[in-house]
Amino acid sequence: MADLVVTSIAVDEAAEQLKSVLHELENMKELWDDGDLWGHRTVKNAMGDFVDSWWVKREKLQENLKDLQDKMEKAAETWNDTEIELEKSLTPES
């Protein structure tokens, strides 16, 4: 079995990706306001029904993603700080 390799780049990217997803959810209403995004009236009406019914779920999802994103940013910061400290401890002093 292969070892799990985690780099600071992967941790930082995960935090940024969560931030991007959260941003999209927070600004979704701006994309939907007129509904022209969907084109055909039948699709527009169906998507309107869907969007109306999922706003409550979206808010809960946003709360959970915000919490996860905050934790991921803290994990990335801790990971990077630990990596720096480890490098300093392994570097011989001159």
C-alpha atoms as a PDB file:
ATOM      1  CA  MET A   1       0.000   0.000   0.000  1.00  0.00           C
ATOM      2  CA  ALA A   2       1.305   3.427  -0.935  1.00  0.00           C
ATOM      3  CA  ASP A   3       2.017   6.026   1.705  1.00  0.00           C
ATOM      4  CA  LEU A   4      -0.190   9.061   1.851  1.00  0.00           C
ATOM      5  CA  VAL A   5       1.825  12.100   0.828  1.00  0.00           C
ATOM      6  CA  VAL A   6       0.492  15.489   1.868  1.00  0.00           C
ATOM      7  CA  THR A   7       2.175  18.661   0.733  1.00  0.00           C
ATOM      8  CA  SER A   8       1.581  22.230   1.758  1.00  0.00           C
ATOM      9  CA  ILE A   9       0.468  22.895  -1.818  1.00  0.00           C
ATOM     10  CA  ALA A  10      -2.298  20.273  -1.561  1.00  0.00           C
ATOM     11  CA  VAL A  11      -3.507  21.609   1.786  1.00  0.00           C
ATOM     12  CA  ASP A  12      -3.459  25.220   0.560  1.00  0.00           C
ATOM     13  CA  GLU A  13      -5.285  24.274  -2.656  1.00  0.00           C
ATOM     14  CA  ALA A  14      -7.977  22.390  -0.729  1.00  0.00           C
ATOM     15  CA  ALA A  15      -8.609  25.459   1.433  1.00  0.00           C
ATOM     16  CA  GLU A  16      -8.806  27.690  -1.661  1.00  0.00           C
ATOM     17  CA  GLN A  17     -11.143  25.297  -3.473  1.00  0.00           C
ATOM     18  CA  LEU A  18     -13.515  25.224  -0.497  1.00  0.00           C
ATOM     19  CA  LYS A  19     -13.424  29.010  -0.431  1.00  0.00           C
ATOM     20  CA  SER A  20     -14.326  29.074  -4.135  1.00  0.00           C
ATOM     21  CA  VAL A  21     -17.256  26.664  -3.676  1.00  0.00           C
ATOM     22  CA  LEU A  22     -18.532  28.716  -0.758  1.00  0.00           C
ATOM     23  CA  HIS A  23     -18.259  31.912  -2.810  1.00  0.00           C
ATOM     24  CA  GLU A  24     -20.290  30.328  -5.626  1.00  0.00           C
ATOM     25  CA  LEU A  25     -23.028  29.277  -3.198  1.00  0.00           C
ATOM     26  CA  GLU A  26     -23.117  32.687  -1.545  1.00  0.00           C
ATOM     27  CA  ASN A  27     -23.471  34.457  -4.892  1.00  0.00           C
ATOM     28  CA  MET A  28     -25.782  31.986  -6.603  1.00  0.00           C
ATOM     29  CA  LYS A  29     -28.800  34.280  -6.296  1.00  0.00           C
ATOM     30  CA  GLU A  30     -27.074  36.855  -8.504  1.00  0.00           C
ATOM     31  CA  LEU A  31     -26.770  34.249 -11.262  1.00  0.00           C
ATOM     32  CA  TRP A  32     -30.414  33.254 -10.962  1.00  0.00           C
ATOM     33  CA  ASP A  33     -32.210  36.581 -10.451  1.00  0.00           C
ATOM     34  CA  ASP A  34     -33.782  36.791 -13.912  1.00  0.00           C
ATOM     35  CA  GLY A  35     -33.635  33.098 -14.812  1.00  0.00           C
ATOM     36  CA  ASP A  36     -32.490  33.841 -18.360  1.00  0.00           C
ATOM     37  CA  LEU A  37     -29.533  31.590 -17.694  1.00  0.00           C
ATOM     38  CA  TRP A  38     -31.733  28.555 -18.437  1.00  0.00           C
ATOM     39  CA  GLY A  39     -33.114  29.649 -21.786  1.00  0.00           C
ATOM     40  CA  HIS A  40     -36.255  27.700 -22.676  1.00  0.00           C
ATOM     41  CA  ARG A  41     -39.325  28.566 -20.576  1.00  0.00           C
ATOM     42  CA  THR A  42     -39.992  24.939 -19.519  1.00  0.00           C
ATOM     43  CA  VAL A  43     -36.439  24.529 -18.259  1.00  0.00           C
ATOM     44  CA  LYS A  44     -36.558  27.984 -16.658  1.00  0.00           C
ATOM     45  CA  ASN A  45     -39.757  27.083 -14.759  1.00  0.00           C
ATOM     46  CA  ALA A  46     -38.396  23.709 -13.635  1.00  0.00           C
ATOM     47  CA  MET A  47     -35.167  25.281 -12.440  1.00  0.00           C
ATOM     48  CA  GLY A  48     -37.154  28.032 -10.725  1.00  0.00           C
ATOM     49  CA  ASP A  49     -39.071  25.392  -8.768  1.00  0.00           C
ATOM     50  CA  PHE A  50     -35.825  23.625  -7.887  1.00  0.00           C
ATOM     51  CA  VAL A  51     -34.047  26.802  -6.811  1.00  0.00           C
ATOM     52  CA  ASP A  52     -37.001  27.892  -4.671  1.00  0.00           C
ATOM     53  CA  SER A  53     -37.137  24.558  -2.868  1.00  0.00           C
ATOM     54  CA  TRP A  54     -33.452  24.258  -2.118  1.00  0.00           C
ATOM     55  CA  TRP A  55     -32.660  27.713  -0.649  1.00  0.00           C
ATOM     56  CA  VAL A  56     -33.146  26.370   2.894  1.00  0.00           C
ATOM     57  CA  LYS A  57     -30.863  23.413   2.249  1.00  0.00           C
ATOM     58  CA  ARG A  58     -28.361  25.726   0.589  1.00  0.00           C
ATOM     59  CA  GLU A  59     -28.148  27.899   3.696  1.00  0.00           C
ATOM     60  CA  LYS A  60     -27.379  24.872   5.891  1.00  0.00           C
ATOM     61  CA  LEU A  61     -24.854  23.657   3.334  1.00  0.00           C
ATOM     62  CA  GLN A  62     -23.223  27.097   3.327  1.00  0.00           C
ATOM     63  CA  GLU A  63     -22.933  27.059   7.126  1.00  0.00           C
ATOM     64  CA  ASN A  64     -21.301  23.634   7.062  1.00  0.00           C
ATOM     65  CA  LEU A  65     -18.972  24.544   4.203  1.00  0.00           C
ATOM     66  CA  LYS A  66     -17.962  27.783   5.939  1.00  0.00           C
ATOM     67  CA  ASP A  67     -17.111  25.811   9.067  1.00  0.00           C
ATOM     68  CA  LEU A  68     -15.140  23.268   7.026  1.00  0.00           C
ATOM     69  CA  GLN A  69     -13.389  26.015   5.075  1.00  0.00           C
ATOM     70  CA  ASP A  70     -12.369  27.809   8.299  1.00  0.00           C
ATOM     71  CA  LYS A  71     -10.984  24.548   9.675  1.00  0.00           C
ATOM     72  CA  MET A  72      -9.173  23.827   6.418  1.00  0.00           C
ATOM     73  CA  GLU A  73      -7.545  27.274   6.431  1.00  0.00           C
ATOM     74  CA  LYS A  74      -6.398  26.709  10.026  1.00  0.00           C
ATOM     75  CA  ALA A  75      -5.108  23.257   9.073  1.00  0.00           C
ATOM     76  CA  ALA A  76      -3.209  24.735   6.118  1.00  0.00           C
ATOM     77  CA  GLU A  77      -1.679  27.420   8.330  1.00  0.00           C
ATOM     78  CA  THR A  78      -0.713  24.865  10.979  1.00  0.00           C
ATOM     79  CA  TRP A  79       0.682  22.504   8.342  1.00  0.00           C
ATOM     80  CA  ASN A  80       2.809  25.238   6.802  1.00  0.00           C
ATOM     81  CA  ASP A  81       4.056  26.460  10.183  1.00  0.00           C
ATOM     82  CA  THR A  82       4.922  22.897  11.199  1.00  0.00           C
ATOM     83  CA  GLU A  83       6.727  22.293   7.917  1.00  0.00           C
ATOM     84  CA  ILE A  84       8.807  25.455   8.418  1.00  0.00           C
ATOM     85  CA  GLU A  85       9.656  24.527  12.003  1.00  0.00           C
ATOM     86  CA  LEU A  86      10.586  20.987  10.971  1.00  0.00           C
ATOM     87  CA  GLU A  87      12.866  22.303   8.248  1.00  0.00           C
ATOM     88  CA  LYS A  88      14.533  24.667  10.745  1.00  0.00           C
ATOM     89  CA  SER A  89      15.058  21.829  13.213  1.00  0.00           C
ATOM     90  CA  LEU A  90      16.677  19.645  10.571  1.00  0.00           C
ATOM     91  CA  THR A  91      18.904  22.370   9.133  1.00  0.00           C
ATOM     92  CA  PRO A  92      22.318  22.424  10.794  1.00  0.00           C
ATOM     93  CA  GLU A  93      23.214  25.762  12.322  1.00  0.00           C
ATOM     94  CA  SER A  94      26.283  27.460  10.907  1.00  0.00           C
END
